[in-house]
Amino acid sequence: MERIATLNQFKTFITDDTGAVTVDWVVLTAAVVGLALAAMAVISGGVEDLSQDTSGAMTDYEIDDSFDGAGEANAGDEAAESEDPVSESFF
């Protein structure tokens, strides 16, 4: 009799699939984390180069924070107007 009860418990254990969804989510989450790490490894080099280029370009700029009109002396300079990177890149 005890052997039949043990056999029934074993059959119930084998046919029970309530934890299968949890295993699926663990595998899917691990795959998403793995893909995110791989993407970060690929993208980080380009982002670092771009940030260094931006830093190099910004170190040459001087910001006039006096607001007294002293910075307007270069407004008539044709060379400064022709080297405007914003207008050239958009038009």
PDB file of N, CA and C in Angstrom:
ATOM      1  N   MET A   1       0.812  -1.190   0.000  1.00  0.00           N
ATOM      2  CA  MET A   1       0.000   0.000   0.000  1.00  0.00           C
ATOM      3  C   MET A   1       0.861   1.261   0.000  1.00  0.00           C
ATOM      4  N   GLU A   2       1.928   1.193   0.778  1.00  0.00           N
ATOM      5  CA  GLU A   2       2.818   2.349   0.865  1.00  0.00           C
ATOM      6  C   GLU A   2       3.531   2.573  -0.475  1.00  0.00           C
ATOM      7  N   ARG A   3       3.795   1.499  -1.177  1.00  0.00           N
ATOM      8  CA  ARG A   3       4.460   1.604  -2.473  1.00  0.00           C
ATOM      9  C   ARG A   3       3.550   2.294  -3.488  1.00  0.00           C
ATOM     10  N   ILE A   4       2.260   2.047  -3.444  1.00  0.00           N
ATOM     11  CA  ILE A   4       1.298   2.672  -4.353  1.00  0.00           C
ATOM     12  C   ILE A   4       1.205   4.171  -4.056  1.00  0.00           C
ATOM     13  N   ALA A   5       1.215   4.546  -2.793  1.00  0.00           N
ATOM     14  CA  ALA A   5       1.159   5.954  -2.423  1.00  0.00           C
ATOM     15  C   ALA A   5       2.413   6.677  -2.912  1.00  0.00           C
ATOM     16  N   THR A   6       3.550   6.034  -2.784  1.00  0.00           N
ATOM     17  CA  THR A   6       4.809   6.634  -3.247  1.00  0.00           C
ATOM     18  C   THR A   6       4.800   6.764  -4.767  1.00  0.00           C
ATOM     19  N   LEU A   7       4.267   5.770  -5.453  1.00  0.00           N
ATOM     20  CA  LEU A   7       4.178   5.809  -6.904  1.00  0.00           C
ATOM     21  C   LEU A   7       3.237   6.926  -7.358  1.00  0.00           C
ATOM     22  N   ASN A   8       2.122   7.108  -6.654  1.00  0.00           N
ATOM     23  CA  ASN A   8       1.188   8.191  -6.988  1.00  0.00           C
ATOM     24  C   ASN A   8       1.822   9.568  -6.748  1.00  0.00           C
ATOM     25  N   GLN A   9       2.582   9.697  -5.668  1.00  0.00           N
ATOM     26  CA  GLN A   9       3.262  10.957  -5.402  1.00  0.00           C
ATOM     27  C   GLN A   9       4.304  11.250  -6.490  1.00  0.00           C
ATOM     28  N   PHE A  10       4.988  10.223  -6.941  1.00  0.00           N
ATOM     29  CA  PHE A  10       5.977  10.394  -7.999  1.00  0.00           C
ATOM     30  C   PHE A  10       5.315  10.825  -9.303  1.00  0.00           C
ATOM     31  N   LYS A  11       4.184  10.199  -9.650  1.00  0.00           N
ATOM     32  CA  LYS A  11       3.449  10.565 -10.860  1.00  0.00           C
ATOM     33  C   LYS A  11       2.962  12.008 -10.770  1.00  0.00           C
ATOM     34  N   THR A  12       2.478  12.404  -9.604  1.00  0.00           N
ATOM     35  CA  THR A  12       2.028  13.784  -9.409  1.00  0.00           C
ATOM     36  C   THR A  12       3.194  14.763  -9.569  1.00  0.00           C
ATOM     37  N   PHE A  13       4.342  14.404  -9.019  1.00  0.00           N
ATOM     38  CA  PHE A  13       5.522  15.250  -9.124  1.00  0.00           C
ATOM     39  C   PHE A  13       5.969  15.407 -10.574  1.00  0.00           C
ATOM     40  N   ILE A  14       5.959  14.325 -11.326  1.00  0.00           N
ATOM     41  CA  ILE A  14       6.411  14.345 -12.726  1.00  0.00           C
ATOM     42  C   ILE A  14       5.465  15.164 -13.598  1.00  0.00           C
ATOM     43  N   THR A  15       4.180  15.076 -13.366  1.00  0.00           N
ATOM     44  CA  THR A  15       3.209  15.775 -14.215  1.00  0.00           C
ATOM     45  C   THR A  15       2.962  17.214 -13.783  1.00  0.00           C
ATOM     46  N   ASP A  16       3.474  17.633 -12.633  1.00  0.00           N
ATOM     47  CA  ASP A  16       3.273  18.994 -12.143  1.00  0.00           C
ATOM     48  C   ASP A  16       4.178  19.955 -12.915  1.00  0.00           C
ATOM     49  N   ASP A  17       3.590  20.994 -13.521  1.00  0.00           N
ATOM     50  CA  ASP A  17       4.379  21.952 -14.292  1.00  0.00           C
ATOM     51  C   ASP A  17       4.210  23.386 -13.786  1.00  0.00           C
ATOM     52  N   THR A  18       3.933  23.553 -12.510  1.00  0.00           N
ATOM     53  CA  THR A  18       3.702  24.897 -11.983  1.00  0.00           C
ATOM     54  C   THR A  18       4.974  25.735 -11.917  1.00  0.00           C
ATOM     55  N   GLY A  19       6.137  25.140 -11.826  1.00  0.00           N
ATOM     56  CA  GLY A  19       7.381  25.902 -11.760  1.00  0.00           C
ATOM     57  C   GLY A  19       8.015  26.141 -13.115  1.00  0.00           C
ATOM     58  N   ALA A  20       7.435  25.628 -14.184  1.00  0.00           N
ATOM     59  CA  ALA A  20       8.029  25.751 -15.515  1.00  0.00           C
ATOM     60  C   ALA A  20       8.054  27.199 -15.988  1.00  0.00           C
ATOM     61  N   VAL A  21       7.062  27.978 -15.640  1.00  0.00           N
ATOM     62  CA  VAL A  21       7.015  29.381 -16.056  1.00  0.00           C
ATOM     63  C   VAL A  21       8.154  30.160 -15.407  1.00  0.00           C
ATOM     64  N   THR A  22       8.455  29.868 -14.180  1.00  0.00           N
ATOM     65  CA  THR A  22       9.553  30.536 -13.489  1.00  0.00           C
ATOM     66  C   THR A  22      10.876  30.254 -14.180  1.00  0.00           C
ATOM     67  N   VAL A  23      11.084  29.029 -14.577  1.00  0.00           N
ATOM     68  CA  VAL A  23      12.315  28.667 -15.284  1.00  0.00           C
ATOM     69  C   VAL A  23      12.395  29.416 -16.607  1.00  0.00           C
ATOM     70  N   ASP A  24      11.288  29.526 -17.322  1.00  0.00           N
ATOM     71  CA  ASP A  24      11.267  30.266 -18.591  1.00  0.00           C
ATOM     72  C   ASP A  24      11.660  31.722 -18.378  1.00  0.00           C
ATOM     73  N   TRP A  25      11.106  32.344 -17.351  1.00  0.00           N
ATOM     74  CA  TRP A  25      11.418  33.753 -17.081  1.00  0.00           C
ATOM     75  C   TRP A  25      12.874  33.938 -16.686  1.00  0.00           C
ATOM     76  N   VAL A  26      13.433  33.020 -15.967  1.00  0.00           N
ATOM     77  CA  VAL A  26      14.847  33.113 -15.585  1.00  0.00           C
ATOM     78  C   VAL A  26      15.722  33.039 -16.832  1.00  0.00           C
ATOM     79  N   VAL A  27      15.412  32.135 -17.739  1.00  0.00           N
ATOM     80  CA  VAL A  27      16.196  31.993 -18.967  1.00  0.00           C
ATOM     81  C   VAL A  27      16.043  33.239 -19.833  1.00  0.00           C
ATOM     82  N   LEU A  28      14.834  33.736 -19.986  1.00  0.00           N
ATOM     83  CA  LEU A  28      14.615  34.943 -20.789  1.00  0.00           C
ATOM     84  C   LEU A  28      15.319  36.156 -20.192  1.00  0.00           C
ATOM     85  N   THR A  29      15.259  36.308 -18.879  1.00  0.00           N
ATOM     86  CA  THR A  29      15.923  37.437 -18.222  1.00  0.00           C
ATOM     87  C   THR A  29      17.435  37.341 -18.388  1.00  0.00           C
ATOM     88  N   ALA A  30      17.987  36.166 -18.269  1.00  0.00           N
ATOM     89  CA  ALA A  30      19.426  35.989 -18.467  1.00  0.00           C
ATOM     90  C   ALA A  30      19.818  36.328 -19.905  1.00  0.00           C
ATOM     91  N   ALA A  31      18.996  35.973 -20.860  1.00  0.00           N
ATOM     92  CA  ALA A  31      19.284  36.301 -22.261  1.00  0.00           C
ATOM     93  C   ALA A  31      19.246  37.815 -22.489  1.00  0.00           C
ATOM     94  N   VAL A  32      18.271  38.495 -21.919  1.00  0.00           N
ATOM     95  CA  VAL A  32      18.178  39.950 -22.064  1.00  0.00           C
ATOM     96  C   VAL A  32      19.383  40.631 -21.418  1.00  0.00           C
ATOM     97  N   VAL A  33      19.779  40.197 -20.253  1.00  0.00           N
ATOM     98  CA  VAL A  33      20.951  40.773 -19.579  1.00  0.00           C
ATOM     99  C   VAL A  33      22.204  40.519 -20.406  1.00  0.00           C
ATOM    100  N   GLY A  34      22.346  39.331 -20.948  1.00  0.00           N
ATOM    101  CA  GLY A  34      23.502  39.016 -21.784  1.00  0.00           C
ATOM    102  C   GLY A  34      23.564  39.888 -23.031  1.00  0.00           C
ATOM    103  N   LEU A  35      22.422  40.091 -23.681  1.00  0.00           N
ATOM    104  CA  LEU A  35      22.389  40.950 -24.869  1.00  0.00           C
ATOM    105  C   LEU A  35      22.691  42.403 -24.508  1.00  0.00           C
ATOM    106  N   ALA A  36      22.200  42.861 -23.374  1.00  0.00           N
ATOM    107  CA  ALA A  36      22.484  44.233 -22.944  1.00  0.00           C
ATOM    108  C   ALA A  36      23.970  44.419 -22.673  1.00  0.00           C
ATOM    109  N   LEU A  37      24.607  43.451 -22.041  1.00  0.00           N
ATOM    110  CA  LEU A  37      26.044  43.546 -21.783  1.00  0.00           C
ATOM    111  C   LEU A  37      26.842  43.514 -23.088  1.00  0.00           C
ATOM    112  N   ALA A  38      26.424  42.686 -24.027  1.00  0.00           N
ATOM    113  CA  ALA A  38      27.112  42.630 -25.314  1.00  0.00           C
ATOM    114  C   ALA A  38      26.959  43.946 -26.069  1.00  0.00           C
ATOM    115  N   ALA A  39      25.770  44.528 -26.057  1.00  0.00           N
ATOM    116  CA  ALA A  39      25.551  45.808 -26.722  1.00  0.00           C
ATOM    117  C   ALA A  39      26.374  46.910 -26.060  1.00  0.00           C
ATOM    118  N   MET A  40      26.444  46.893 -24.738  1.00  0.00           N
ATOM    119  CA  MET A  40      27.227  47.895 -24.028  1.00  0.00           C
ATOM    120  C   MET A  40      28.708  47.775 -24.390  1.00  0.00           C
ATOM    121  N   ALA A  41      29.209  46.573 -24.525  1.00  0.00           N
ATOM    122  CA  ALA A  41      30.613  46.379 -24.883  1.00  0.00           C
ATOM    123  C   ALA A  41      30.906  46.910 -26.279  1.00  0.00           C
ATOM    124  N   VAL A  42      29.967  46.745 -27.193  1.00  0.00           N
ATOM    125  CA  VAL A  42      30.165  47.203 -28.565  1.00  0.00           C
ATOM    126  C   VAL A  42      30.054  48.723 -28.653  1.00  0.00           C
ATOM    127  N   ILE A  43      29.090  49.298 -27.960  1.00  0.00           N
ATOM    128  CA  ILE A  43      28.801  50.729 -28.074  1.00  0.00           C
ATOM    129  C   ILE A  43      29.750  51.581 -27.253  1.00  0.00           C
ATOM    130  N   SER A  44      30.280  51.071 -26.151  1.00  0.00           N
ATOM    131  CA  SER A  44      31.056  51.909 -25.232  1.00  0.00           C
ATOM    132  C   SER A  44      32.304  52.500 -25.882  1.00  0.00           C
ATOM    133  N   GLY A  45      32.960  51.784 -26.783  1.00  0.00           N
ATOM    134  CA  GLY A  45      34.142  52.324 -27.450  1.00  0.00           C
ATOM    135  C   GLY A  45      33.813  53.533 -28.300  1.00  0.00           C
ATOM    136  N   GLY A  46      32.734  53.465 -29.043  1.00  0.00           N
ATOM    137  CA  GLY A  46      32.320  54.595 -29.873  1.00  0.00           C
ATOM    138  C   GLY A  46      31.894  55.793 -29.058  1.00  0.00           C
ATOM    139  N   VAL A  47      31.219  55.543 -27.963  1.00  0.00           N
ATOM    140  CA  VAL A  47      30.783  56.642 -27.100  1.00  0.00           C
ATOM    141  C   VAL A  47      31.991  57.323 -26.465  1.00  0.00           C
ATOM    142  N   GLU A  48      32.983  56.546 -26.074  1.00  0.00           N
ATOM    143  CA  GLU A  48      34.188  57.127 -25.473  1.00  0.00           C
ATOM    144  C   GLU A  48      34.932  57.989 -26.485  1.00  0.00           C
ATOM    145  N   ASP A  49      35.058  57.516 -27.726  1.00  0.00           N
ATOM    146  CA  ASP A  49      35.717  58.315 -28.764  1.00  0.00           C
ATOM    147  C   ASP A  49      34.953  59.607 -29.044  1.00  0.00           C
ATOM    148  N   LEU A  50      33.646  59.517 -29.122  1.00  0.00           N
ATOM    149  CA  LEU A  50      32.827  60.693 -29.377  1.00  0.00           C
ATOM    150  C   LEU A  50      32.933  61.701 -28.248  1.00  0.00           C
ATOM    151  N   SER A  51      32.951  61.228 -27.017  1.00  0.00           N
ATOM    152  CA  SER A  51      33.059  62.160 -25.887  1.00  0.00           C
ATOM    153  C   SER A  51      34.428  62.830 -25.855  1.00  0.00           C
ATOM    154  N   GLN A  52      35.476  62.112 -26.246  1.00  0.00           N
ATOM    155  CA  GLN A  52      36.803  62.727 -26.310  1.00  0.00           C
ATOM    156  C   GLN A  52      36.867  63.765 -27.425  1.00  0.00           C
ATOM    157  N   ASP A  53      36.248  63.485 -28.562  1.00  0.00           N
ATOM    158  CA  ASP A  53      36.210  64.460 -29.649  1.00  0.00           C
ATOM    159  C   ASP A  53      35.440  65.709 -29.233  1.00  0.00           C
ATOM    160  N   THR A  54      34.326  65.512 -28.559  1.00  0.00           N
ATOM    161  CA  THR A  54      33.525  66.646 -28.089  1.00  0.00           C
ATOM    162  C   THR A  54      34.299  67.459 -27.069  1.00  0.00           C
ATOM    163  N   SER A  55      34.981  66.798 -26.170  1.00  0.00           N
ATOM    164  CA  SER A  55      35.777  67.497 -25.169  1.00  0.00           C
ATOM    165  C   SER A  55      36.895  68.295 -25.830  1.00  0.00           C
ATOM    166  N   GLY A  56      37.537  67.717 -26.825  1.00  0.00           N
ATOM    167  CA  GLY A  56      38.597  68.428 -27.538  1.00  0.00           C
ATOM    168  C   GLY A  56      38.076  69.651 -28.263  1.00  0.00           C
ATOM    169  N   ALA A  57      36.884  69.547 -28.847  1.00  0.00           N
ATOM    170  CA  ALA A  57      36.303  70.690 -29.554  1.00  0.00           C
ATOM    171  C   ALA A  57      35.865  71.779 -28.585  1.00  0.00           C
ATOM    172  N   MET A  58      35.382  71.386 -27.430  1.00  0.00           N
ATOM    173  CA  MET A  58      34.873  72.383 -26.483  1.00  0.00           C
ATOM    174  C   MET A  58      35.981  73.098 -25.717  1.00  0.00           C
ATOM    175  N   THR A  59      37.159  72.510 -25.613  1.00  0.00           N
ATOM    176  CA  THR A  59      38.237  73.174 -24.879  1.00  0.00           C
ATOM    177  C   THR A  59      38.751  74.393 -25.620  1.00  0.00           C
ATOM    178  N   ASP A  60      38.516  74.491 -26.935  1.00  0.00           N
ATOM    179  CA  ASP A  60      38.968  75.641 -27.714  1.00  0.00           C
ATOM    180  C   ASP A  60      38.022  76.833 -27.618  1.00  0.00           C
ATOM    181  N   TYR A  61      36.843  76.659 -27.084  1.00  0.00           N
ATOM    182  CA  TYR A  61      35.876  77.740 -26.999  1.00  0.00           C
ATOM    183  C   TYR A  61      36.079  78.564 -25.738  1.00  0.00           C
ATOM    184  N   GLU A  62      35.855  79.855 -25.882  1.00  0.00           N
ATOM    185  CA  GLU A  62      35.908  80.744 -24.727  1.00  0.00           C
ATOM    186  C   GLU A  62      34.521  81.353 -24.562  1.00  0.00           C
ATOM    187  N   ILE A  63      33.977  81.242 -23.387  1.00  0.00           N
ATOM    188  CA  ILE A  63      32.631  81.728 -23.121  1.00  0.00           C
ATOM    189  C   ILE A  63      32.721  83.114 -22.503  1.00  0.00           C
ATOM    190  N   ASP A  64      32.018  84.078 -23.123  1.00  0.00           N
ATOM    191  CA  ASP A  64      31.970  85.438 -22.604  1.00  0.00           C
ATOM    192  C   ASP A  64      30.779  85.540 -21.671  1.00  0.00           C
ATOM    193  N   ASP A  65      31.043  85.676 -20.393  1.00  0.00           N
ATOM    194  CA  ASP A  65      29.970  85.728 -19.421  1.00  0.00           C
ATOM    195  C   ASP A  65      29.802  87.106 -18.792  1.00  0.00           C
ATOM    196  N   SER A  66      30.370  88.141 -19.420  1.00  0.00           N
ATOM    197  CA  SER A  66      30.279  89.479 -18.836  1.00  0.00           C
ATOM    198  C   SER A  66      28.984  90.183 -19.209  1.00  0.00           C
ATOM    199  N   PHE A  67      28.363  89.850 -20.325  1.00  0.00           N
ATOM    200  CA  PHE A  67      27.109  90.447 -20.785  1.00  0.00           C
ATOM    201  C   PHE A  67      27.210  91.961 -20.930  1.00  0.00           C
ATOM    202  N   ASP A  68      28.406  92.467 -21.259  1.00  0.00           N
ATOM    203  CA  ASP A  68      28.558  93.902 -21.432  1.00  0.00           C
ATOM    204  C   ASP A  68      28.735  94.285 -22.887  1.00  0.00           C
ATOM    205  N   GLY A  69      28.617  93.358 -23.796  1.00  0.00           N
ATOM    206  CA  GLY A  69      28.735  93.648 -25.216  1.00  0.00           C
ATOM    207  C   GLY A  69      30.151  93.531 -25.721  1.00  0.00           C
ATOM    208  N   ALA A  70      31.106  93.149 -24.903  1.00  0.00           N
ATOM    209  CA  ALA A  70      32.498  93.039 -25.334  1.00  0.00           C
ATOM    210  C   ALA A  70      32.680  91.920 -26.347  1.00  0.00           C
ATOM    211  N   GLY A  71      31.851  90.951 -26.325  1.00  0.00           N
ATOM    212  CA  GLY A  71      31.962  89.834 -27.254  1.00  0.00           C
ATOM    213  C   GLY A  71      31.439  90.142 -28.635  1.00  0.00           C
ATOM    214  N   GLU A  72      30.854  91.321 -28.844  1.00  0.00           N
ATOM    215  CA  GLU A  72      30.285  91.676 -30.132  1.00  0.00           C
ATOM    216  C   GLU A  72      31.337  92.147 -31.116  1.00  0.00           C
ATOM    217  N   ALA A  73      32.584  92.288 -30.712  1.00  0.00           N
ATOM    218  CA  ALA A  73      33.645  92.754 -31.600  1.00  0.00           C
ATOM    219  C   ALA A  73      33.889  91.762 -32.730  1.00  0.00           C
ATOM    220  N   ASN A  74      33.666  90.486 -32.505  1.00  0.00           N
ATOM    221  CA  ASN A  74      33.892  89.464 -33.528  1.00  0.00           C
ATOM    222  C   ASN A  74      32.664  89.218 -34.392  1.00  0.00           C
ATOM    223  N   ALA A  75      31.564  89.912 -34.138  1.00  0.00           N
ATOM    224  CA  ALA A  75      30.336  89.652 -34.880  1.00  0.00           C
ATOM    225  C   ALA A  75      30.465  90.014 -36.350  1.00  0.00           C
ATOM    226  N   GLY A  76      31.270  91.007 -36.700  1.00  0.00           N
ATOM    227  CA  GLY A  76      31.432  91.412 -38.089  1.00  0.00           C
ATOM    228  C   GLY A  76      32.519  90.655 -38.818  1.00  0.00           C
ATOM    229  N   ASP A  77      33.203  89.788 -38.177  1.00  0.00           N
ATOM    230  CA  ASP A  77      34.305  89.041 -38.777  1.00  0.00           C
ATOM    231  C   ASP A  77      33.751  88.006 -39.748  1.00  0.00           C
ATOM    232  N   GLU A  78      34.122  88.113 -41.042  1.00  0.00           N
ATOM    233  CA  GLU A  78      33.591  87.196 -42.055  1.00  0.00           C
ATOM    234  C   GLU A  78      34.142  85.789 -41.894  1.00  0.00           C
ATOM    235  N   ALA A  79      35.360  85.658 -41.413  1.00  0.00           N
ATOM    236  CA  ALA A  79      35.948  84.327 -41.242  1.00  0.00           C
ATOM    237  C   ALA A  79      35.206  83.551 -40.171  1.00  0.00           C
ATOM    238  N   ALA A  80      34.800  84.244 -39.121  1.00  0.00           N
ATOM    239  CA  ALA A  80      34.063  83.564 -38.054  1.00  0.00           C
ATOM    240  C   ALA A  80      32.698  83.120 -38.538  1.00  0.00           C
ATOM    241  N   GLU A  81      32.073  83.929 -39.403  1.00  0.00           N
ATOM    242  CA  GLU A  81      30.744  83.564 -39.910  1.00  0.00           C
ATOM    243  C   GLU A  81      30.811  82.394 -40.881  1.00  0.00           C
ATOM    244  N   SER A  82      31.876  82.285 -41.679  1.00  0.00           N
ATOM    245  CA  SER A  82      31.956  81.221 -42.665  1.00  0.00           C
ATOM    246  C   SER A  82      32.290  79.873 -42.038  1.00  0.00           C
ATOM    247  N   GLU A  83      32.833  79.869 -40.827  1.00  0.00           N
ATOM    248  CA  GLU A  83      33.202  78.622 -40.170  1.00  0.00           C
ATOM    249  C   GLU A  83      32.140  78.152 -39.187  1.00  0.00           C
ATOM    250  N   ASP A  84      30.918  78.586 -39.347  1.00  0.00           N
ATOM    251  CA  ASP A  84      29.839  78.197 -38.440  1.00  0.00           C
ATOM    252  C   ASP A  84      29.444  76.752 -38.732  1.00  0.00           C
ATOM    253  N   PRO A  85      29.765  75.802 -37.849  1.00  0.00           N
ATOM    254  CA  PRO A  85      29.480  74.387 -38.140  1.00  0.00           C
ATOM    255  C   PRO A  85      28.001  74.053 -38.106  1.00  0.00           C
ATOM    256  N   VAL A  86      27.206  74.840 -37.406  1.00  0.00           N
ATOM    257  CA  VAL A  86      25.777  74.520 -37.311  1.00  0.00           C
ATOM    258  C   VAL A  86      25.084  74.798 -38.625  1.00  0.00           C
ATOM    259  N   SER A  87      25.312  75.969 -39.223  1.00  0.00           N
ATOM    260  CA  SER A  87      24.625  76.306 -40.458  1.00  0.00           C
ATOM    261  C   SER A  87      25.070  75.410 -41.604  1.00  0.00           C
ATOM    262  N   GLU A  88      26.340  75.006 -41.627  1.00  0.00           N
ATOM    263  CA  GLU A  88      26.813  74.138 -42.688  1.00  0.00           C
ATOM    264  C   GLU A  88      26.259  72.721 -42.582  1.00  0.00           C
ATOM    265  N   SER A  89      26.071  72.241 -41.373  1.00  0.00           N
ATOM    266  CA  SER A  89      25.625  70.861 -41.222  1.00  0.00           C
ATOM    267  C   SER A  89      24.135  70.696 -41.466  1.00  0.00           C
ATOM    268  N   PHE A  90      23.356  71.765 -41.302  1.00  0.00           N
ATOM    269  CA  PHE A  90      21.908  71.645 -41.473  1.00  0.00           C
ATOM    270  C   PHE A  90      21.440  72.057 -42.865  1.00  0.00           C
ATOM    271  N   PHE A  91      22.235  72.792 -43.625  1.00  0.00           N
ATOM    272  CA  PHE A  91      21.773  73.287 -44.918  1.00  0.00           C
ATOM    273  C   PHE A  91      22.609  72.787 -46.052  1.00  0.00           C
TER     274      PHE A  91
END
